Amino acid sequence: KYRQVACFIAASRAIADVLAADGVPKARITVVHDGIDVERVMHVPAADLHREFWFPRGAPVLVNVAALVPHKGQKFLVDAMARVRRTIADAQLVIFGEGELRGALEAQIRELGLDKHVVLAGFREDVLGLTRSADLFVLSSVTEGLGSTLLDAMAMGLAVAGTRAGGIPEAVEEGVTGVLVPPGNSEALADAIVRLLGDAAIRTRMGEAGRARVRAEFGVDRLVEGTLAAYRQYAR
């Protein structure tokens, strides 16, 4: 089937590398980064995570938005939360999304005694508004094309604690818009979370840098322009 395709549009350089490794000639691959409607996301009204989930006032809240499937790595994030609470006892985590691992994650949360600190919130239509009031966005993926939820969080001005999986480093600039750790490393992820939760000034600075980066590099206009350019190139 690949031989019948004139052009492959990859949402990240990481995906382009996978295609090339599968035998697709690099000359037939064009990278057009995923994009979001930055202005719309920026102006979504904030909803109150603390009120919605009965968290103590002032407790720091982390948000993860991803399907509950193996490659999103939430089992490492839950394990990291147990480590985080040794330093920041009132830290809270909300995971938005649904999937096959719900039962396994619920069991893990119970075993680690995190019932009052980790919420599996399922699908929510108001996820953007709720994410907006978080203190930190966390993406624990083991593999990832790029991550549109990551771009949403950056557009809202949230600092990111994430992994170096797939295309994530193409969006998150290490030490500038967030902190990246090796995939599947709960201890390193916990250390990154503790570091960021412990310094509001760093989170603010990274959040502002992240918003500027998304506006400059990952807006929907750039996505459309890049896609049209690819069609024009291969329509000749």
C-alpha atoms as a PDB file:
ATOM      1  CA  LYS A   1       0.000   0.000   0.000  1.00  0.00           C
ATOM      2  CA  TYR A   2       2.902   2.365   0.673  1.00  0.00           C
ATOM      3  CA  ARG A   3       3.921   2.184  -2.994  1.00  0.00           C
ATOM      4  CA  GLN A   4       0.556   3.680  -3.963  1.00  0.00           C
ATOM      5  CA  VAL A   5       1.096   6.814  -1.845  1.00  0.00           C
ATOM      6  CA  ALA A   6       2.772   9.841  -3.403  1.00  0.00           C
ATOM      7  CA  CYS A   7       3.344  11.743  -0.163  1.00  0.00           C
ATOM      8  CA  PHE A   8       3.258  10.910   3.518  1.00  0.00           C
ATOM      9  CA  ILE A   9       2.474  13.814   5.844  1.00  0.00           C
ATOM     10  CA  ALA A  10       3.944  13.125   9.281  1.00  0.00           C
ATOM     11  CA  ALA A  11       2.724  15.061  12.332  1.00  0.00           C
ATOM     12  CA  SER A  12       6.243  15.045  13.811  1.00  0.00           C
ATOM     13  CA  ARG A  13       9.822  14.215  12.892  1.00  0.00           C
ATOM     14  CA  ALA A  14       9.506  11.203  15.172  1.00  0.00           C
ATOM     15  CA  ILE A  15       6.706   9.805  13.001  1.00  0.00           C
ATOM     16  CA  ALA A  16       8.735  10.584   9.886  1.00  0.00           C
ATOM     17  CA  ASP A  17      11.585   8.508  11.318  1.00  0.00           C
ATOM     18  CA  VAL A  18       9.216   5.589  11.932  1.00  0.00           C
ATOM     19  CA  LEU A  19       7.975   5.758   8.330  1.00  0.00           C
ATOM     20  CA  ALA A  20      11.536   5.867   7.011  1.00  0.00           C
ATOM     21  CA  ALA A  21      12.456   2.877   9.177  1.00  0.00           C
ATOM     22  CA  ASP A  22       9.481   1.030   7.657  1.00  0.00           C
ATOM     23  CA  GLY A  23      10.948   1.574   4.197  1.00  0.00           C
ATOM     24  CA  VAL A  24       9.235   4.742   2.996  1.00  0.00           C
ATOM     25  CA  PRO A  25      11.718   6.871   0.988  1.00  0.00           C
ATOM     26  CA  LYS A  26      12.540  10.065   2.886  1.00  0.00           C
ATOM     27  CA  ALA A  27      11.879  12.104  -0.255  1.00  0.00           C
ATOM     28  CA  ARG A  28       8.198  11.103  -0.014  1.00  0.00           C
ATOM     29  CA  ILE A  29       7.816  12.184   3.611  1.00  0.00           C
ATOM     30  CA  THR A  30       6.866  15.720   4.607  1.00  0.00           C
ATOM     31  CA  VAL A  31       6.722  16.818   8.244  1.00  0.00           C
ATOM     32  CA  VAL A  32       3.809  19.081   9.102  1.00  0.00           C
ATOM     33  CA  HIS A  33       3.520  19.440  12.841  1.00  0.00           C
ATOM     34  CA  ASP A  34       0.141  18.963  14.435  1.00  0.00           C
ATOM     35  CA  GLY A  35      -1.537  22.255  15.250  1.00  0.00           C
ATOM     36  CA  ILE A  36      -4.317  23.671  17.410  1.00  0.00           C
ATOM     37  CA  ASP A  37      -6.579  26.710  17.431  1.00  0.00           C
ATOM     38  CA  VAL A  38      -4.430  28.595  19.917  1.00  0.00           C
ATOM     39  CA  GLU A  39      -6.684  31.616  20.345  1.00  0.00           C
ATOM     40  CA  ARG A  40      -9.733  29.444  21.052  1.00  0.00           C
ATOM     41  CA  VAL A  41      -7.876  27.370  23.627  1.00  0.00           C
ATOM     42  CA  MET A  42      -6.392  30.446  25.284  1.00  0.00           C
ATOM     43  CA  HIS A  43      -9.830  31.938  25.862  1.00  0.00           C
ATOM     44  CA  VAL A  44     -11.648  28.879  27.205  1.00  0.00           C
ATOM     45  CA  PRO A  45     -13.080  29.929  30.600  1.00  0.00           C
ATOM     46  CA  ALA A  46     -11.342  28.274  33.521  1.00  0.00           C
ATOM     47  CA  ALA A  47     -13.255  25.779  35.646  1.00  0.00           C
ATOM     48  CA  ASP A  48     -12.319  25.112  39.278  1.00  0.00           C
ATOM     49  CA  LEU A  49     -10.553  21.749  39.686  1.00  0.00           C
ATOM     50  CA  HIS A  50     -10.553  22.072  43.465  1.00  0.00           C
ATOM     51  CA  ARG A  51     -14.284  22.621  43.664  1.00  0.00           C
ATOM     52  CA  GLU A  52     -15.097  19.989  41.027  1.00  0.00           C
ATOM     53  CA  PHE A  53     -13.145  17.207  42.741  1.00  0.00           C
ATOM     54  CA  TRP A  54     -13.316  18.383  46.353  1.00  0.00           C
ATOM     55  CA  PHE A  55      -9.596  18.996  46.652  1.00  0.00           C
ATOM     56  CA  PRO A  56      -8.292  20.984  49.627  1.00  0.00           C
ATOM     57  CA  ARG A  57      -7.836  24.663  48.846  1.00  0.00           C
ATOM     58  CA  GLY A  58      -4.243  25.399  47.967  1.00  0.00           C
ATOM     59  CA  ALA A  59      -3.358  21.781  47.153  1.00  0.00           C
ATOM     60  CA  PRO A  60      -1.252  21.588  43.971  1.00  0.00           C
ATOM     61  CA  VAL A  61      -3.049  19.806  41.131  1.00  0.00           C
ATOM     62  CA  LEU A  62      -1.500  17.928  38.214  1.00  0.00           C
ATOM     63  CA  VAL A  63      -3.469  17.089  35.068  1.00  0.00           C
ATOM     64  CA  ASN A  64      -2.913  14.350  32.514  1.00  0.00           C
ATOM     65  CA  VAL A  65      -5.165  14.101  29.445  1.00  0.00           C
ATOM     66  CA  ALA A  66      -4.770  10.842  27.535  1.00  0.00           C
ATOM     67  CA  ALA A  67      -6.529   7.588  26.763  1.00  0.00           C
ATOM     68  CA  LEU A  68      -6.026   4.887  29.386  1.00  0.00           C
ATOM     69  CA  VAL A  69      -3.940   2.652  27.145  1.00  0.00           C
ATOM     70  CA  PRO A  70      -0.442   1.194  27.588  1.00  0.00           C
ATOM     71  CA  HIS A  71       1.525   3.614  25.426  1.00  0.00           C
ATOM     72  CA  LYS A  72       0.286   6.625  27.412  1.00  0.00           C
ATOM     73  CA  GLY A  73       2.217   5.342  30.421  1.00  0.00           C
ATOM     74  CA  GLN A  74      -0.179   6.319  33.215  1.00  0.00           C
ATOM     75  CA  LYS A  75       1.015   3.401  35.347  1.00  0.00           C
ATOM     76  CA  PHE A  76       4.364   5.191  35.603  1.00  0.00           C
ATOM     77  CA  LEU A  77       2.597   8.453  36.435  1.00  0.00           C
ATOM     78  CA  VAL A  78       0.575   6.847  39.247  1.00  0.00           C
ATOM     79  CA  ASP A  79       3.745   5.300  40.632  1.00  0.00           C
ATOM     80  CA  ALA A  80       5.425   8.708  40.391  1.00  0.00           C
ATOM     81  CA  MET A  81       2.580  10.247  42.402  1.00  0.00           C
ATOM     82  CA  ALA A  82       3.322   7.918  45.317  1.00  0.00           C
ATOM     83  CA  ARG A  83       6.886   9.264  45.245  1.00  0.00           C
ATOM     84  CA  VAL A  84       5.749  12.886  44.852  1.00  0.00           C
ATOM     85  CA  ARG A  85       3.599  12.658  47.983  1.00  0.00           C
ATOM     86  CA  ARG A  86       6.640  11.831  50.100  1.00  0.00           C
ATOM     87  CA  THR A  87       7.722  15.427  49.516  1.00  0.00           C
ATOM     88  CA  ILE A  88       4.443  17.185  48.690  1.00  0.00           C
ATOM     89  CA  ALA A  89       1.836  15.391  50.766  1.00  0.00           C
ATOM     90  CA  ASP A  90      -1.206  17.277  49.473  1.00  0.00           C
ATOM     91  CA  ALA A  91      -0.418  16.904  45.742  1.00  0.00           C
ATOM     92  CA  GLN A  92      -3.395  15.806  43.626  1.00  0.00           C
ATOM     93  CA  LEU A  93      -3.570  14.223  40.163  1.00  0.00           C
ATOM     94  CA  VAL A  94      -6.493  14.171  37.743  1.00  0.00           C
ATOM     95  CA  ILE A  95      -6.302  11.886  34.716  1.00  0.00           C
ATOM     96  CA  PHE A  96      -8.849  12.708  32.012  1.00  0.00           C
ATOM     97  CA  GLY A  97      -9.546   9.921  29.535  1.00  0.00           C
ATOM     98  CA  GLU A  98     -10.976   6.444  29.240  1.00  0.00           C
ATOM     99  CA  GLY A  99      -9.676   3.113  28.040  1.00  0.00           C
ATOM    100  CA  GLU A 100      -8.814  -0.518  28.595  1.00  0.00           C
ATOM    101  CA  LEU A 101      -6.490   0.096  31.554  1.00  0.00           C
ATOM    102  CA  ARG A 102      -9.050   1.726  33.852  1.00  0.00           C
ATOM    103  CA  GLY A 103      -9.395  -1.399  36.011  1.00  0.00           C
ATOM    104  CA  ALA A 104      -5.657  -1.920  36.287  1.00  0.00           C
ATOM    105  CA  LEU A 105      -5.063   1.724  37.170  1.00  0.00           C
ATOM    106  CA  GLU A 106      -7.836   1.701  39.774  1.00  0.00           C
ATOM    107  CA  ALA A 107      -6.199  -1.324  41.407  1.00  0.00           C
ATOM    108  CA  GLN A 108      -2.786   0.345  41.333  1.00  0.00           C
ATOM    109  CA  ILE A 109      -4.203   3.504  42.912  1.00  0.00           C
ATOM    110  CA  ARG A 110      -5.759   1.479  45.731  1.00  0.00           C
ATOM    111  CA  GLU A 111      -2.584  -0.557  46.325  1.00  0.00           C
ATOM    112  CA  LEU A 112      -0.521   2.626  46.642  1.00  0.00           C
ATOM    113  CA  GLY A 113      -3.044   4.269  48.965  1.00  0.00           C
ATOM    114  CA  LEU A 114      -3.708   7.083  46.519  1.00  0.00           C
ATOM    115  CA  ASP A 115      -7.512   6.896  46.496  1.00  0.00           C
ATOM    116  CA  LYS A 116      -7.816  10.464  47.795  1.00  0.00           C
ATOM    117  CA  HIS A 117      -5.024  11.839  45.616  1.00  0.00           C
ATOM    118  CA  VAL A 118      -5.509  10.388  42.123  1.00  0.00           C
ATOM    119  CA  VAL A 119      -8.787  10.787  40.225  1.00  0.00           C
ATOM    120  CA  LEU A 120      -9.633   8.917  37.025  1.00  0.00           C
ATOM    121  CA  ALA A 121     -12.110  11.457  35.702  1.00  0.00           C
ATOM    122  CA  GLY A 122     -13.014   9.744  32.424  1.00  0.00           C
ATOM    123  CA  PHE A 123     -14.138  11.771  29.417  1.00  0.00           C
ATOM    124  CA  ARG A 124     -15.228  15.329  30.164  1.00  0.00           C
ATOM    125  CA  GLU A 125     -16.556  17.876  27.690  1.00  0.00           C
ATOM    126  CA  ASP A 126     -15.181  20.614  29.954  1.00  0.00           C
ATOM    127  CA  VAL A 127     -11.666  19.143  30.029  1.00  0.00           C
ATOM    128  CA  LEU A 128     -10.071  22.297  28.609  1.00  0.00           C
ATOM    129  CA  GLY A 129     -11.606  24.543  31.236  1.00  0.00           C
ATOM    130  CA  LEU A 130     -10.633  22.184  34.035  1.00  0.00           C
ATOM    131  CA  THR A 131      -7.094  21.757  32.717  1.00  0.00           C
ATOM    132  CA  ARG A 132      -6.727  25.513  32.627  1.00  0.00           C
ATOM    133  CA  SER A 133      -6.865  25.707  36.434  1.00  0.00           C
ATOM    134  CA  ALA A 134      -4.159  23.058  36.974  1.00  0.00           C
ATOM    135  CA  ASP A 135      -0.734  23.857  38.380  1.00  0.00           C
ATOM    136  CA  LEU A 136       1.154  21.544  36.034  1.00  0.00           C
ATOM    137  CA  PHE A 137       0.503  19.386  32.991  1.00  0.00           C
ATOM    138  CA  VAL A 138       2.036  15.912  32.920  1.00  0.00           C
ATOM    139  CA  LEU A 139       2.432  13.634  29.903  1.00  0.00           C
ATOM    140  CA  SER A 140       3.822  10.207  30.791  1.00  0.00           C
ATOM    141  CA  SER A 141       3.741   8.574  27.346  1.00  0.00           C
ATOM    142  CA  VAL A 142       6.031   5.720  26.420  1.00  0.00           C
ATOM    143  CA  THR A 143       5.434   6.405  22.726  1.00  0.00           C
ATOM    144  CA  GLU A 144       3.805   9.529  21.287  1.00  0.00           C
ATOM    145  CA  GLY A 145       3.364  11.061  17.863  1.00  0.00           C
ATOM    146  CA  LEU A 146       3.313  14.619  19.198  1.00  0.00           C
ATOM    147  CA  GLY A 147       0.398  15.141  21.572  1.00  0.00           C
ATOM    148  CA  SER A 148      -2.383  17.642  20.858  1.00  0.00           C
ATOM    149  CA  THR A 149      -3.386  17.688  24.546  1.00  0.00           C
ATOM    150  CA  LEU A 150       0.173  18.774  25.280  1.00  0.00           C
ATOM    151  CA  LEU A 151      -0.178  21.677  22.849  1.00  0.00           C
ATOM    152  CA  ASP A 152      -3.502  22.637  24.463  1.00  0.00           C
ATOM    153  CA  ALA A 153      -1.871  22.757  27.894  1.00  0.00           C
ATOM    154  CA  MET A 154       1.028  24.859  26.617  1.00  0.00           C
ATOM    155  CA  ALA A 155      -1.405  27.275  24.959  1.00  0.00           C
ATOM    156  CA  MET A 156      -3.040  27.710  28.371  1.00  0.00           C
ATOM    157  CA  GLY A 157       0.308  28.721  29.840  1.00  0.00           C
ATOM    158  CA  LEU A 158       1.011  25.522  31.775  1.00  0.00           C
ATOM    159  CA  ALA A 159       4.517  24.233  32.344  1.00  0.00           C
ATOM    160  CA  VAL A 160       5.010  20.588  31.347  1.00  0.00           C
ATOM    161  CA  ALA A 161       6.584  17.574  33.006  1.00  0.00           C
ATOM    162  CA  GLY A 162       6.849  14.948  30.303  1.00  0.00           C
ATOM    163  CA  THR A 163       8.867  12.209  28.710  1.00  0.00           C
ATOM    164  CA  ARG A 164      11.243  12.244  25.770  1.00  0.00           C
ATOM    165  CA  ALA A 165       8.980   9.833  23.890  1.00  0.00           C
ATOM    166  CA  GLY A 166       8.350  10.299  20.178  1.00  0.00           C
ATOM    167  CA  GLY A 167       7.592  13.848  19.131  1.00  0.00           C
ATOM    168  CA  ILE A 168       7.206  15.321  22.632  1.00  0.00           C
ATOM    169  CA  PRO A 169      10.691  16.930  22.573  1.00  0.00           C
ATOM    170  CA  GLU A 170       9.704  18.667  19.329  1.00  0.00           C
ATOM    171  CA  ALA A 171       7.034  20.569  21.258  1.00  0.00           C
ATOM    172  CA  VAL A 172       8.540  20.855  24.743  1.00  0.00           C
ATOM    173  CA  GLU A 173      11.878  22.624  24.895  1.00  0.00           C
ATOM    174  CA  GLU A 174      13.847  21.141  27.770  1.00  0.00           C
ATOM    175  CA  GLY A 175      14.407  23.629  30.574  1.00  0.00           C
ATOM    176  CA  VAL A 176      12.510  26.354  28.712  1.00  0.00           C
ATOM    177  CA  THR A 177       8.885  25.216  28.450  1.00  0.00           C
ATOM    178  CA  GLY A 178       9.115  22.125  30.638  1.00  0.00           C
ATOM    179  CA  VAL A 179      11.184  19.272  32.016  1.00  0.00           C
ATOM    180  CA  LEU A 180      11.586  16.000  30.111  1.00  0.00           C
ATOM    181  CA  VAL A 181      12.615  12.612  31.507  1.00  0.00           C
ATOM    182  CA  PRO A 182      13.210   9.140  30.032  1.00  0.00           C
ATOM    183  CA  PRO A 183       9.998   7.220  29.236  1.00  0.00           C
ATOM    184  CA  GLY A 184       8.986   4.618  31.801  1.00  0.00           C
ATOM    185  CA  ASN A 185      11.071   6.140  34.592  1.00  0.00           C
ATOM    186  CA  SER A 186       8.729   6.867  37.514  1.00  0.00           C
ATOM    187  CA  GLU A 187      11.483   8.137  39.778  1.00  0.00           C
ATOM    188  CA  ALA A 188      12.745  10.680  37.246  1.00  0.00           C
ATOM    189  CA  LEU A 189       9.179  11.794  36.502  1.00  0.00           C
ATOM    190  CA  ALA A 190       8.494  12.258  40.221  1.00  0.00           C
ATOM    191  CA  ASP A 191      11.666  14.320  40.607  1.00  0.00           C
ATOM    192  CA  ALA A 192      10.616  16.567  37.714  1.00  0.00           C
ATOM    193  CA  ILE A 193       7.146  17.058  39.198  1.00  0.00           C
ATOM    194  CA  VAL A 194       8.518  17.891  42.637  1.00  0.00           C
ATOM    195  CA  ARG A 195      10.975  20.337  41.155  1.00  0.00           C
ATOM    196  CA  LEU A 196       8.300  22.175  39.194  1.00  0.00           C
ATOM    197  CA  LEU A 197       5.668  22.169  41.927  1.00  0.00           C
ATOM    198  CA  GLY A 198       8.247  23.575  44.306  1.00  0.00           C
ATOM    199  CA  ASP A 199       8.978  26.657  42.216  1.00  0.00           C
ATOM    200  CA  ALA A 200       6.022  28.754  41.088  1.00  0.00           C
ATOM    201  CA  ALA A 201       8.298  31.254  39.351  1.00  0.00           C
ATOM    202  CA  ILE A 202       9.779  28.550  37.114  1.00  0.00           C
ATOM    203  CA  ARG A 203       6.311  27.240  36.272  1.00  0.00           C
ATOM    204  CA  THR A 204       5.157  30.726  35.334  1.00  0.00           C
ATOM    205  CA  ARG A 205       8.208  31.374  33.192  1.00  0.00           C
ATOM    206  CA  MET A 206       7.939  28.006  31.450  1.00  0.00           C
ATOM    207  CA  GLY A 207       4.213  28.447  30.951  1.00  0.00           C
ATOM    208  CA  GLU A 208       4.670  31.814  29.264  1.00  0.00           C
ATOM    209  CA  ALA A 209       7.446  30.418  27.072  1.00  0.00           C
ATOM    210  CA  GLY A 210       5.272  27.432  26.178  1.00  0.00           C
ATOM    211  CA  ARG A 211       2.360  29.626  25.114  1.00  0.00           C
ATOM    212  CA  ALA A 212       4.660  31.712  22.938  1.00  0.00           C
ATOM    213  CA  ARG A 213       6.154  28.575  21.375  1.00  0.00           C
ATOM    214  CA  VAL A 214       2.761  27.087  20.511  1.00  0.00           C
ATOM    215  CA  ARG A 215       1.558  30.354  19.006  1.00  0.00           C
ATOM    216  CA  ALA A 216       4.691  30.598  16.867  1.00  0.00           C
ATOM    217  CA  GLU A 217       5.144  26.964  15.838  1.00  0.00           C
ATOM    218  CA  PHE A 218       1.966  24.930  16.373  1.00  0.00           C
ATOM    219  CA  GLY A 219      -0.980  27.090  15.392  1.00  0.00           C
ATOM    220  CA  VAL A 220      -3.694  25.670  13.148  1.00  0.00           C
ATOM    221  CA  ASP A 221      -2.749  28.151  10.401  1.00  0.00           C
ATOM    222  CA  ARG A 222       0.713  26.603  10.133  1.00  0.00           C
ATOM    223  CA  LEU A 223      -0.852  23.141  10.015  1.00  0.00           C
ATOM    224  CA  VAL A 224      -3.157  24.160   7.160  1.00  0.00           C
ATOM    225  CA  GLU A 225      -0.425  25.991   5.249  1.00  0.00           C
ATOM    226  CA  GLY A 226       1.979  23.067   5.577  1.00  0.00           C
ATOM    227  CA  THR A 227      -0.633  20.575   4.442  1.00  0.00           C
ATOM    228  CA  LEU A 228      -1.598  22.680   1.415  1.00  0.00           C
ATOM    229  CA  ALA A 229       2.072  23.104   0.512  1.00  0.00           C
ATOM    230  CA  ALA A 230       2.520  19.326   0.556  1.00  0.00           C
ATOM    231  CA  TYR A 231      -0.478  18.829  -1.734  1.00  0.00           C
ATOM    232  CA  ARG A 232       0.774  21.502  -4.136  1.00  0.00           C
ATOM    233  CA  GLN A 233       4.246  19.960  -4.241  1.00  0.00           C
ATOM    234  CA  TYR A 234       2.987  16.495  -5.110  1.00  0.00           C
ATOM    235  CA  ALA A 235       0.188  17.659  -7.412  1.00  0.00           C
ATOM    236  CA  ARG A 236       2.670  18.945  -9.967  1.00  0.00           C
END
